[in-house]
Amino acid sequence: MTKVCSFVAVMLVMILVCDQFGANEAATCSASQLSPCLGAIQGGTAPSQDCCARLKNQQPCICGFMKDPNLRQYVNSPNARKVAGQCGVSIPSC
């Protein structure tokens, strides 16, 4: 269960980041890059600076994550949206 929650949280954060930067940024889309955000997404705690930096870096990937049926539900979760907002990353409408 922990691995599933962690994967979901990471994917959620990545989706949020992709919208902020758009497709013009050269980012390697990898949900594992968002591992510092897991605690914030799962536990509702404030995101770390590392989490926000990685979320912003993965922002170009968000629309792709939202289109993935395995990730979509996590990217749109209330906690993921909260973390994105706290990091100054907007959720895209893809």
N, C-alpha and C. Protein backbone atom coordinates (compact mmCIF):
# COMPACT_ATOMS: atom_id res chain seq x y z
N MET A 1 0.83 -1.19 0.00
CA MET A 1 0.00 0.00 0.00
C MET A 1 0.87 1.25 0.00
N THR A 2 1.96 1.24 0.73
CA THR A 2 2.85 2.39 0.81
C THR A 2 3.47 2.70 -0.53
N LYS A 3 3.88 1.69 -1.27
CA LYS A 3 4.48 1.91 -2.58
C LYS A 3 3.47 2.50 -3.54
N VAL A 4 2.25 2.05 -3.46
CA VAL A 4 1.19 2.56 -4.34
C VAL A 4 0.91 4.01 -4.02
N CYS A 5 0.80 4.33 -2.75
CA CYS A 5 0.53 5.72 -2.34
C CYS A 5 1.68 6.64 -2.74
N SER A 6 2.89 6.17 -2.59
CA SER A 6 4.05 6.96 -2.96
C SER A 6 4.09 7.22 -4.45
N PHE A 7 3.83 6.20 -5.22
CA PHE A 7 3.83 6.34 -6.68
C PHE A 7 2.76 7.32 -7.12
N VAL A 8 1.60 7.22 -6.52
CA VAL A 8 0.48 8.09 -6.86
C VAL A 8 0.81 9.53 -6.50
N ALA A 9 1.39 9.74 -5.36
CA ALA A 9 1.74 11.08 -4.92
C ALA A 9 2.76 11.71 -5.86
N VAL A 10 3.74 10.96 -6.23
CA VAL A 10 4.77 11.46 -7.13
C VAL A 10 4.18 11.83 -8.48
N MET A 11 3.32 11.01 -8.99
CA MET A 11 2.72 11.28 -10.29
C MET A 11 1.84 12.53 -10.23
N LEU A 12 1.15 12.69 -9.16
CA LEU A 12 0.29 13.85 -8.98
C LEU A 12 1.11 15.13 -9.04
N VAL A 13 2.15 15.15 -8.33
CA VAL A 13 3.02 16.32 -8.28
C VAL A 13 3.62 16.61 -9.65
N MET A 14 4.01 15.59 -10.36
CA MET A 14 4.61 15.78 -11.67
C MET A 14 3.62 16.42 -12.63
N ILE A 15 2.41 16.04 -12.57
CA ILE A 15 1.39 16.60 -13.46
C ILE A 15 1.22 18.07 -13.18
N LEU A 16 1.21 18.42 -11.93
CA LEU A 16 1.03 19.81 -11.55
C LEU A 16 2.18 20.68 -12.05
N VAL A 17 3.35 20.16 -12.02
CA VAL A 17 4.53 20.92 -12.43
C VAL A 17 4.54 21.15 -13.93
N CYS A 18 4.15 20.20 -14.70
CA CYS A 18 4.22 20.30 -16.16
C CYS A 18 3.41 21.46 -16.71
N ASP A 19 2.29 21.77 -16.13
CA ASP A 19 1.45 22.86 -16.62
C ASP A 19 2.12 24.21 -16.43
N GLN A 20 2.82 24.38 -15.35
CA GLN A 20 3.44 25.66 -15.04
C GLN A 20 4.50 26.04 -16.07
N PHE A 21 5.29 25.11 -16.50
CA PHE A 21 6.38 25.40 -17.42
C PHE A 21 6.02 25.20 -18.87
N GLY A 22 5.03 24.41 -19.13
CA GLY A 22 4.66 24.14 -20.50
C GLY A 22 5.59 23.13 -21.14
N ALA A 23 5.32 22.81 -22.39
CA ALA A 23 6.10 21.79 -23.09
C ALA A 23 7.43 22.31 -23.59
N ASN A 24 7.70 23.60 -23.43
CA ASN A 24 8.93 24.17 -23.94
C ASN A 24 10.15 23.81 -23.10
N GLU A 25 9.95 23.49 -21.84
CA GLU A 25 11.05 23.12 -20.98
C GLU A 25 11.51 21.71 -21.32
N ALA A 26 12.80 21.52 -21.27
CA ALA A 26 13.34 20.19 -21.52
C ALA A 26 13.44 19.46 -20.19
N ALA A 27 12.46 18.67 -19.89
CA ALA A 27 12.45 17.92 -18.65
C ALA A 27 12.30 16.44 -18.95
N THR A 28 12.97 15.65 -18.18
CA THR A 28 12.80 14.21 -18.28
C THR A 28 11.65 13.85 -17.35
N CYS A 29 10.57 13.37 -17.92
CA CYS A 29 9.40 13.05 -17.13
C CYS A 29 9.64 11.78 -16.33
N SER A 30 9.68 11.95 -15.04
CA SER A 30 9.93 10.82 -14.15
C SER A 30 9.25 11.08 -12.82
N ALA A 31 8.27 10.27 -12.51
CA ALA A 31 7.54 10.43 -11.26
C ALA A 31 8.47 10.26 -10.05
N SER A 32 9.50 9.49 -10.19
CA SER A 32 10.41 9.27 -9.07
C SER A 32 11.13 10.55 -8.66
N GLN A 33 11.20 11.52 -9.57
CA GLN A 33 11.83 12.80 -9.24
C GLN A 33 11.03 13.57 -8.18
N LEU A 34 9.78 13.19 -8.01
CA LEU A 34 8.92 13.89 -7.07
C LEU A 34 8.84 13.22 -5.70
N SER A 35 9.74 12.30 -5.44
CA SER A 35 9.72 11.59 -4.16
C SER A 35 9.79 12.51 -2.94
N PRO A 36 10.47 13.67 -3.00
CA PRO A 36 10.47 14.56 -1.84
C PRO A 36 9.09 15.14 -1.50
N CYS A 37 8.13 14.97 -2.41
CA CYS A 37 6.79 15.51 -2.19
C CYS A 37 5.83 14.51 -1.56
N LEU A 38 6.26 13.28 -1.40
CA LEU A 38 5.37 12.22 -0.93
C LEU A 38 4.76 12.52 0.43
N GLY A 39 5.56 12.97 1.35
CA GLY A 39 5.05 13.27 2.68
C GLY A 39 3.99 14.34 2.66
N ALA A 40 4.22 15.37 1.87
CA ALA A 40 3.26 16.47 1.77
C ALA A 40 1.95 16.01 1.13
N ILE A 41 2.05 15.18 0.11
CA ILE A 41 0.85 14.72 -0.59
C ILE A 41 0.10 13.69 0.25
N GLN A 42 0.81 12.80 0.86
CA GLN A 42 0.16 11.75 1.65
C GLN A 42 -0.31 12.23 3.01
N GLY A 43 0.50 13.06 3.65
CA GLY A 43 0.19 13.46 5.01
C GLY A 43 -0.39 14.84 5.18
N GLY A 44 -0.42 15.60 4.11
CA GLY A 44 -0.97 16.95 4.19
C GLY A 44 -0.05 17.95 4.85
N THR A 45 1.22 17.62 4.98
CA THR A 45 2.19 18.56 5.56
C THR A 45 2.65 19.55 4.50
N ALA A 46 3.30 20.60 4.92
CA ALA A 46 3.81 21.60 3.99
C ALA A 46 4.93 20.99 3.14
N PRO A 47 4.96 21.30 1.84
CA PRO A 47 6.03 20.76 0.99
C PRO A 47 7.37 21.42 1.29
N SER A 48 8.43 20.66 1.11
CA SER A 48 9.78 21.19 1.31
C SER A 48 10.20 22.02 0.10
N GLN A 49 11.28 22.76 0.25
CA GLN A 49 11.82 23.52 -0.87
C GLN A 49 12.25 22.58 -2.00
N ASP A 50 12.81 21.44 -1.62
CA ASP A 50 13.23 20.45 -2.61
C ASP A 50 12.02 19.93 -3.38
N CYS A 51 10.93 19.66 -2.68
CA CYS A 51 9.70 19.21 -3.33
C CYS A 51 9.23 20.24 -4.35
N CYS A 52 9.14 21.49 -3.93
CA CYS A 52 8.65 22.54 -4.83
C CYS A 52 9.57 22.71 -6.04
N ALA A 53 10.87 22.65 -5.82
CA ALA A 53 11.81 22.79 -6.93
C ALA A 53 11.63 21.66 -7.93
N ARG A 54 11.47 20.46 -7.44
CA ARG A 54 11.29 19.32 -8.33
C ARG A 54 9.94 19.36 -9.02
N LEU A 55 8.92 19.80 -8.31
CA LEU A 55 7.60 19.92 -8.90
C LEU A 55 7.63 20.92 -10.06
N LYS A 56 8.28 22.04 -9.85
CA LYS A 56 8.39 23.04 -10.91
C LYS A 56 9.20 22.50 -12.08
N ASN A 57 10.20 21.70 -11.80
CA ASN A 57 11.04 21.12 -12.84
C ASN A 57 10.27 20.10 -13.68
N GLN A 58 9.33 19.40 -13.07
CA GLN A 58 8.55 18.37 -13.75
C GLN A 58 7.26 18.93 -14.35
N GLN A 59 7.03 20.20 -14.23
CA GLN A 59 5.78 20.80 -14.71
C GLN A 59 5.46 20.51 -16.17
N PRO A 60 6.44 20.47 -17.07
CA PRO A 60 6.12 20.17 -18.47
C PRO A 60 5.51 18.78 -18.67
N CYS A 61 5.58 17.95 -17.66
CA CYS A 61 5.09 16.57 -17.76
C CYS A 61 3.66 16.40 -17.28
N ILE A 62 3.10 17.40 -16.65
CA ILE A 62 1.80 17.26 -15.99
C ILE A 62 0.69 16.83 -16.95
N CYS A 63 0.58 17.44 -18.10
CA CYS A 63 -0.49 17.06 -19.03
C CYS A 63 -0.35 15.61 -19.46
N GLY A 64 0.87 15.17 -19.66
CA GLY A 64 1.08 13.77 -20.02
C GLY A 64 0.64 12.84 -18.91
N PHE A 65 0.92 13.21 -17.68
CA PHE A 65 0.49 12.41 -16.54
C PHE A 65 -1.02 12.40 -16.42
N MET A 66 -1.63 13.53 -16.71
CA MET A 66 -3.09 13.62 -16.60
C MET A 66 -3.79 12.77 -17.66
N LYS A 67 -3.12 12.56 -18.76
CA LYS A 67 -3.70 11.73 -19.83
C LYS A 67 -3.49 10.24 -19.57
N ASP A 68 -2.62 9.91 -18.66
CA ASP A 68 -2.35 8.52 -18.32
C ASP A 68 -3.42 8.03 -17.35
N PRO A 69 -4.22 7.03 -17.74
CA PRO A 69 -5.29 6.55 -16.86
C PRO A 69 -4.79 6.01 -15.52
N ASN A 70 -3.54 5.60 -15.46
CA ASN A 70 -2.99 5.09 -14.20
C ASN A 70 -2.56 6.21 -13.26
N LEU A 71 -2.35 7.39 -13.78
CA LEU A 71 -1.86 8.51 -12.96
C LEU A 71 -2.89 9.60 -12.73
N ARG A 72 -3.83 9.71 -13.62
CA ARG A 72 -4.81 10.81 -13.60
C ARG A 72 -5.47 11.00 -12.24
N GLN A 73 -5.95 9.95 -11.62
CA GLN A 73 -6.66 10.07 -10.36
C GLN A 73 -5.76 10.63 -9.25
N TYR A 74 -4.47 10.38 -9.33
CA TYR A 74 -3.56 10.86 -8.31
C TYR A 74 -3.17 12.31 -8.53
N VAL A 75 -3.03 12.66 -9.77
CA VAL A 75 -2.63 14.03 -10.11
C VAL A 75 -3.74 15.01 -9.76
N ASN A 76 -4.95 14.56 -9.81
CA ASN A 76 -6.09 15.42 -9.52
C ASN A 76 -6.56 15.31 -8.08
N SER A 77 -5.82 14.66 -7.22
CA SER A 77 -6.25 14.50 -5.83
C SER A 77 -6.20 15.84 -5.10
N PRO A 78 -7.04 16.00 -4.10
CA PRO A 78 -7.05 17.26 -3.34
C PRO A 78 -5.70 17.60 -2.71
N ASN A 79 -5.02 16.61 -2.15
CA ASN A 79 -3.71 16.89 -1.53
C ASN A 79 -2.67 17.29 -2.56
N ALA A 80 -2.69 16.68 -3.74
CA ALA A 80 -1.73 17.05 -4.78
C ALA A 80 -1.98 18.48 -5.24
N ARG A 81 -3.24 18.85 -5.37
CA ARG A 81 -3.58 20.22 -5.76
C ARG A 81 -3.14 21.21 -4.69
N LYS A 82 -3.29 20.81 -3.44
CA LYS A 82 -2.87 21.66 -2.32
C LYS A 82 -1.36 21.89 -2.35
N VAL A 83 -0.62 20.82 -2.56
CA VAL A 83 0.85 20.91 -2.62
C VAL A 83 1.27 21.79 -3.79
N ALA A 84 0.64 21.60 -4.92
CA ALA A 84 0.97 22.41 -6.10
C ALA A 84 0.72 23.89 -5.80
N GLY A 85 -0.40 24.19 -5.18
CA GLY A 85 -0.71 25.57 -4.83
C GLY A 85 0.31 26.16 -3.86
N GLN A 86 0.72 25.39 -2.87
CA GLN A 86 1.70 25.85 -1.91
C GLN A 86 3.06 26.08 -2.56
N CYS A 87 3.32 25.37 -3.65
CA CYS A 87 4.59 25.53 -4.39
C CYS A 87 4.48 26.58 -5.49
N GLY A 88 3.30 27.15 -5.67
CA GLY A 88 3.13 28.16 -6.71
C GLY A 88 3.03 27.56 -8.09
N VAL A 89 2.58 26.32 -8.18
CA VAL A 89 2.44 25.63 -9.46
C VAL A 89 0.95 25.48 -9.75
N SER A 90 0.53 25.93 -10.91
CA SER A 90 -0.89 25.83 -11.27
C SER A 90 -1.17 24.50 -11.95
N ILE A 91 -2.38 24.02 -11.75
CA ILE A 91 -2.82 22.78 -12.38
C ILE A 91 -3.32 23.12 -13.78
N PRO A 92 -2.81 22.46 -14.79
CA PRO A 92 -3.24 22.77 -16.17
C PRO A 92 -4.60 22.17 -16.50
N SER A 93 -5.22 22.75 -17.49
CA SER A 93 -6.41 22.12 -18.06
C SER A 93 -6.00 21.64 -19.43
N CYS A 94 -5.76 20.37 -19.54
CA CYS A 94 -5.20 19.79 -20.76
C CYS A 94 -6.28 19.28 -21.68
